Amino acid sequence: MRDGGRRATAAGAILLCFIFFGYAPVPAHASLAHYVNKYKMIKVSRDQEKRLARYNYLINYFCTFSYFQPHHKVNPDFIRALILAESNGDPAARSNKDARGLTQITYATGKQAATALAQKPVHFRYVSRKTLQNLRPADLYNPALNILLACYLIAKYNYQHQGKLDLVVSAWNAGEYSIVADKPAQYRETLNHIGKVNGYFIYLLKKKKRRRYVYRR
């Protein structure tokens, strides 16, 4: 999800994060390509666009930071794709695994990320250092905080896995240590999630490209 004029590895990876347990292993014949193809025609509805638009200022702002590497930033459209795949733009969403908010972050994962961010010599608009230092579960419903934590975590996984979308989403969905032999976790839920995030991400990238073409004409 590298932005800033560099080709995003994840953007073209398959055109080709929450620690959840209890996933059912994928049958041996199943492949990542199956889940990618499943969502290759997915579209973002006008209603979904309206829901995302409420948070564009937060997404664009928190994606301006280089959390792990200089000049390497999270692509805002990836965060939008993640939000759609996780909560469909509902800031009050809560899963049966107790993941919360727009990007569905568990308290344990959010607490670790918030603690790391609080130690950085950076002042973030919309989220206070005090909130990061004293994160409460209910804070994860705050769109600004939720998006900040998501940007940080995605930047972390992007750094660890060289921007490969399938591995980044696997780390997000199944845990940092779910990647084995440079392959995503072989859980149906995780592979399905990779396909959905990838589908939304590609749709948003293509739509942005079309808009730029029309504008230039």
Protein backbone atom coordinates (compact mmCIF):
# COMPACT_ATOMS: atom_id res chain seq x y z
CA MET A 1 0.00 0.00 0.00
CA ARG A 2 2.78 2.36 -0.81
CA ASP A 3 1.66 5.74 -1.99
CA GLY A 4 3.35 8.99 -2.96
CA GLY A 5 4.13 8.28 -6.58
CA ARG A 6 5.49 4.78 -6.04
CA ARG A 7 3.80 1.76 -7.53
CA ALA A 8 1.83 0.07 -4.79
CA THR A 9 2.93 -3.54 -4.58
CA ALA A 10 -0.38 -4.52 -3.05
CA ALA A 11 -2.37 -2.59 -5.63
CA GLY A 12 -1.45 -5.02 -8.37
CA ALA A 13 -0.58 -7.96 -6.20
CA ILE A 14 -3.56 -10.19 -6.82
CA LEU A 15 -5.03 -8.72 -9.99
CA LEU A 16 -3.35 -10.99 -10.38
CA CYS A 17 -5.65 -6.73 11.48
CA PHE A 18 -7.40 -8.55 14.79
CA ILE A 19 -6.34 -11.90 16.05
CA PHE A 20 -9.27 -14.23 15.50
CA PHE A 21 -9.27 -17.87 16.45
CA GLY A 22 -11.36 -20.87 15.54
CA TYR A 23 -11.15 -20.55 11.75
CA ALA A 24 -11.95 -23.56 9.62
CA PRO A 25 -9.01 -24.69 7.45
CA VAL A 26 -9.53 -24.35 3.70
CA PRO A 27 -9.92 -27.61 1.72
CA ALA A 28 -6.72 -28.67 -0.03
CA HIS A 29 -8.17 -27.93 -3.48
CA ALA A 30 -9.10 -24.36 -2.60
CA SER A 31 -6.77 -21.58 -3.68
CA LEU A 32 -6.37 -17.86 -3.18
CA ALA A 33 -7.27 -17.31 -6.84
CA HIS A 34 -10.74 -18.72 -6.14
CA TYR A 35 -11.40 -16.06 -3.50
CA VAL A 36 -9.91 -13.30 -5.63
CA ASN A 37 -12.11 -14.25 -8.57
CA LYS A 38 -15.14 -14.42 -6.30
CA TYR A 39 -14.91 -10.66 -5.71
CA LYS A 40 -13.32 -9.45 -8.94
CA MET A 41 -16.60 -7.85 -10.08
CA ILE A 42 -17.49 -6.27 -6.75
CA LYS A 43 -18.65 -2.66 -6.88
CA VAL A 44 -19.06 0.16 -4.39
CA SER A 45 -22.64 1.40 -4.31
CA ARG A 46 -23.64 5.04 -4.08
CA ASP A 47 -24.82 4.44 -0.53
CA GLN A 48 -21.45 2.96 0.40
CA GLU A 49 -19.69 5.94 -1.19
CA LYS A 50 -21.79 8.30 0.91
CA ARG A 51 -20.89 6.43 4.07
CA LEU A 52 -17.20 6.50 3.21
CA ALA A 53 -17.36 10.19 2.33
CA ARG A 54 -18.10 11.03 5.97
CA TYR A 55 -14.63 9.82 6.89
CA ASN A 56 -12.59 10.96 3.89
CA TYR A 57 -11.02 13.83 5.81
CA LEU A 58 -9.82 11.39 8.49
CA ILE A 59 -8.62 8.76 6.03
CA ASN A 60 -6.74 11.28 3.90
CA TYR A 61 -5.18 12.92 6.95
CA PHE A 62 -3.97 9.80 8.74
CA CYS A 63 -2.63 8.38 5.47
CA THR A 64 -0.20 11.32 5.17
CA PHE A 65 2.07 9.87 7.86
CA SER A 66 5.00 7.52 7.29
CA TYR A 67 4.60 5.27 10.32
CA PHE A 68 7.48 2.85 9.66
CA GLN A 69 9.52 3.93 6.65
CA PRO A 70 10.22 7.43 5.32
CA HIS A 71 8.15 8.25 2.21
CA HIS A 72 6.14 5.02 2.52
CA LYS A 73 2.50 5.74 3.27
CA VAL A 74 -0.71 3.76 3.40
CA ASN A 75 -2.89 4.17 0.34
CA PRO A 76 -6.16 5.88 1.38
CA ASP A 77 -8.16 3.70 -0.99
CA PHE A 78 -6.84 0.61 0.76
CA ILE A 79 -8.20 1.93 4.06
CA ARG A 80 -11.53 2.61 2.34
CA ALA A 81 -11.56 -0.94 0.98
CA LEU A 82 -10.78 -2.27 4.45
CA ILE A 83 -13.61 -0.26 6.00
CA LEU A 84 -16.11 -1.58 3.45
CA ALA A 85 -14.97 -5.17 3.91
CA GLU A 86 -14.97 -4.95 7.70
CA SER A 87 -17.99 -2.87 8.70
CA ASN A 88 -19.55 -1.53 5.48
CA GLY A 89 -18.95 1.94 6.89
CA ASP A 90 -20.74 1.45 10.22
CA PRO A 91 -18.71 3.04 13.08
CA ALA A 92 -20.87 1.22 15.65
CA ALA A 93 -20.21 -2.24 14.21
CA ARG A 94 -19.20 -4.96 16.65
CA SER A 95 -18.36 -8.55 15.74
CA ASN A 96 -18.96 -11.73 17.71
CA LYS A 97 -15.19 -11.69 18.34
CA ASP A 98 -15.60 -8.26 20.00
CA ALA A 99 -13.84 -6.39 17.19
CA ARG A 100 -15.17 -2.85 17.05
CA GLY A 101 -15.67 0.16 14.85
CA LEU A 102 -15.13 0.99 11.20
CA THR A 103 -12.18 -1.33 10.67
CA GLN A 104 -13.14 -3.88 13.34
CA ILE A 105 -10.21 -3.75 15.76
CA THR A 106 -10.08 -5.84 18.92
CA TYR A 107 -9.16 -4.11 22.14
CA ALA A 108 -5.95 -6.12 22.63
CA THR A 109 -4.66 -5.24 19.15
CA GLY A 110 -5.84 -1.64 19.44
CA LYS A 111 -4.18 -1.23 22.83
CA GLN A 112 -0.82 -2.38 21.48
CA ALA A 113 -1.06 -0.02 18.51
CA ALA A 114 -2.24 2.92 20.63
CA THR A 115 0.64 2.44 23.09
CA ALA A 116 3.17 2.43 20.22
CA LEU A 117 1.64 5.55 18.67
CA ALA A 118 1.61 7.38 22.02
CA GLN A 119 5.38 6.94 22.20
CA LYS A 120 5.99 8.56 18.82
CA PRO A 121 7.05 12.24 18.81
CA VAL A 122 4.08 13.12 16.63
CA HIS A 123 1.00 15.18 17.37
CA PHE A 124 -2.08 13.78 15.68
CA ARG A 125 -5.08 15.95 15.02
CA TYR A 126 -8.44 14.50 16.08
CA VAL A 127 -6.86 12.03 18.55
CA SER A 128 -5.15 13.11 21.77
CA ARG A 129 -2.04 11.50 23.23
CA LYS A 130 -4.01 10.99 26.45
CA THR A 131 -6.57 8.88 24.59
CA LEU A 132 -3.80 6.77 23.06
CA GLN A 133 -2.14 6.30 26.45
CA ASN A 134 -5.39 5.34 28.17
CA LEU A 135 -7.29 3.49 25.48
CA ARG A 136 -10.66 2.09 26.50
CA PRO A 137 -12.64 -0.50 24.51
CA ALA A 138 -15.39 2.04 23.79
CA ASP A 139 -12.82 4.37 22.18
CA LEU A 140 -12.59 1.97 19.23
CA TYR A 141 -16.00 3.23 18.09
CA ASN A 142 -14.49 6.68 17.58
CA PRO A 143 -13.92 6.93 13.78
CA ALA A 144 -10.81 9.12 14.12
CA LEU A 145 -9.11 6.80 16.58
CA ASN A 146 -10.18 3.66 14.73
CA ILE A 147 -8.83 4.92 11.41
CA LEU A 148 -5.56 6.09 12.98
CA LEU A 149 -4.97 2.67 14.55
CA ALA A 150 -5.84 0.96 11.25
CA CYS A 151 -3.39 3.13 9.32
CA TYR A 152 -0.64 2.35 11.82
CA LEU A 153 -1.29 -1.39 11.79
CA ILE A 154 -1.56 -1.61 8.00
CA ALA A 155 1.67 0.38 7.66
CA LYS A 156 3.30 -2.09 10.05
CA TYR A 157 2.13 -5.14 8.11
CA ASN A 158 2.97 -3.45 4.82
CA TYR A 159 6.52 -2.91 6.08
CA GLN A 160 6.81 -6.50 7.29
CA HIS A 161 5.50 -8.03 4.06
CA GLN A 162 6.75 -5.65 1.36
CA GLY A 163 3.29 -4.42 0.49
CA LYS A 164 1.91 -7.79 -0.65
CA LEU A 165 -1.82 -7.41 -0.24
CA ASP A 166 -2.58 -11.04 0.54
CA LEU A 167 0.00 -11.15 3.34
CA VAL A 168 -0.96 -7.76 4.73
CA VAL A 169 -4.63 -8.74 4.96
CA SER A 170 -3.73 -12.13 6.41
CA ALA A 171 -1.73 -10.42 9.17
CA TRP A 172 -4.64 -8.06 9.77
CA ASN A 173 -7.33 -10.73 9.82
CA ALA A 174 -5.63 -13.81 11.25
CA GLY A 175 -2.76 -12.31 13.23
CA GLU A 176 0.80 -11.14 12.67
CA TYR A 177 2.16 -14.66 12.86
CA SER A 178 -0.36 -16.23 10.48
CA ILE A 179 1.99 -16.06 7.49
CA VAL A 180 3.93 -19.27 6.84
CA ALA A 181 6.45 -19.69 3.99
CA ASP A 182 5.38 -16.34 2.52
CA LYS A 183 1.78 -17.52 2.17
CA PRO A 184 -1.36 -16.16 3.85
CA ALA A 185 -3.19 -18.11 6.55
CA GLN A 186 -5.08 -21.00 4.99
CA TYR A 187 -8.40 -20.24 6.63
CA ARG A 188 -11.56 -19.81 4.58
CA GLU A 189 -12.46 -16.63 6.47
CA THR A 190 -9.04 -15.08 5.87
CA LEU A 191 -8.86 -15.97 2.17
CA ASN A 192 -12.40 -14.72 1.68
CA HIS A 193 -11.41 -11.47 3.38
CA ILE A 194 -8.35 -11.09 1.17
CA GLY A 195 -10.54 -11.47 -1.90
CA LYS A 196 -13.07 -8.92 -0.68
CA VAL A 197 -10.52 -6.27 0.34
CA ASN A 198 -8.67 -6.80 -2.94
CA GLY A 199 -11.89 -6.45 -4.94
CA TYR A 200 -12.92 -3.22 -3.27
CA PHE A 201 -9.38 -1.82 -3.50
CA ILE A 202 -9.10 -2.49 -7.23
CA TYR A 203 -12.56 -1.01 -7.84
CA LEU A 204 -11.65 2.20 -5.99
CA LEU A 205 -8.31 2.50 -7.78
CA LYS A 206 -9.94 2.04 -11.18
CA LYS A 207 -12.64 4.57 -10.36
CA LYS A 208 -10.04 7.13 -9.33
CA LYS A 209 -8.16 6.52 -12.57
CA ARG A 210 -11.34 7.04 -14.62
CA ARG A 211 -12.07 10.29 -12.80
CA ARG A 212 -8.59 11.59 -13.52
CA TYR A 213 -8.98 10.71 -17.20
CA VAL A 214 -12.30 12.53 -17.48
CA TYR A 215 -10.87 15.56 -15.64
CA ARG A 216 -7.82 15.74 -17.91
CA ARG A 217 -9.98 15.58 -21.02
